[in-house]
Amino acid sequence: MNDRESSKLQEGKDFLSQICEAHGISGAEDELGDMVAWAFEPLVDEIRTDALRNVIMLRRGSADNGPSVMLAAHMDEIGLAVTKIEDEGFIRFTAVGGVDPRNLLAKEVLVLGRRTLPGIVGIKPPHLISPDERGKAIKREDMFIDVGLDADEVRKQVSVGDLIAFDRSAEDLAGDRITAKALDDRAGVAALYEAALRLQDLRHDADIYLVATVQEEVGLRGAMTSTYGIRPDMGIAVDVGLAEMPGVPEERSLKMGKGPGIGQGANIHPHLHEKLVSVAKQQRIPNQKEVIAHRSGTDAWAMQVTRSGVPTAVLSIPLRYMHTSVELVSWSDVRDTAALMAEFCGSVDREFVEGFYHENTG
């Protein structure tokens, strides 16, 4: 690895850490979106945000009549929201997105009120649990957040509806593993960033839209509106997939350090799947097959059926401990995902797009 490659490697990992430590709960991604736009600005020709605050970044292609490719990764994260401030100052809350109550016990959080307040998620002491309660899952309704202030002071700083983020820094583990909150799907955003870096050294006919989408965790809303506005010839959603770990069936898991999963199933256009597999083979990019028999649960589900339909593919970065504050990925998988996206974008032309509509019968 030369000095330039080493510098890019560190730059990309730093970017991933920074965006994971930032807050962007579904519906409140503005500040994070500004951070993403600032980072991508030297790498693209145009940046805009739409009404839902998707960040849409364009690298123009070299061909006058080249195709358009949309690469999408959602930047929002799951979190909590204030529902009640009790007379003792304890904060009751609800979930924003798919929060598993089992992962909330004793968590450190940040209440994003008029000023940010650190807090902890509490429950009643185990000494007071009745025999009937032992062995049962603790309900979210039985938990509360303590910020260390009395009720009057809490009400000065916090309102019902304020969002609550998990307080977690990104950490490098042994090897090339990274753990952080919101790697679902900031790992995908980092893959877009790495792809943009690689595209500086690649000629591409296609106009490439790199899109950091919003509100995926609450209904794929950003992907739907941004795809409708862009009208791409084809799209790739990059998200995270279930990595091998105890409790995950082998047939549903991806191996860490072996590259992205290339989705195959009803949500994926067969021509795009074949092209991605072909490019990966030609460029010797590690990859895995991921069978997605039904809906993918990713932005691709919305992209595929926008307007009159968009040929769509899915790339999955293997991730452990999904929807917790200790999600874990391998940096090599992020880079391999980026390499595959970049090389794919460099390989498609107008003739490839025409193949979506005209089968070769000769």
Foldseek 3Di string as FASTA:
>chain_A
DDPVVVVLLVVLVVLLQVLLQDAAAFQRRQVSLVVLCVLCVVLADDWDADPSGKIKTKHAADAPPWFAEEEEAASHAKFWFFADQDQFRWTAIDIRFDADQQQQAQFWKWFPWQHIAIWTKYADDPVPDDPVCPPDDDDSRRIIIDRPDGRVVSVVTHDGGTIMGGRWGWDQDPDQKIWFGRVFPSLSSSLLVLLSVVLVVFHFRYIYMYIHFGNLRPPLVRLQVVLLVVVGQAYEYEGAAAADDPPDDPLRHDHAPQAWEKEDEDLADPLVSVLLVVLCVVVVQGYHHHYDHDDPSTNSNNNQPHDPGHHYIYIHFHWYPPNHGTIMHGSSRSNSSSVSVNSSRRPDTPVSSVCVPDPDPD
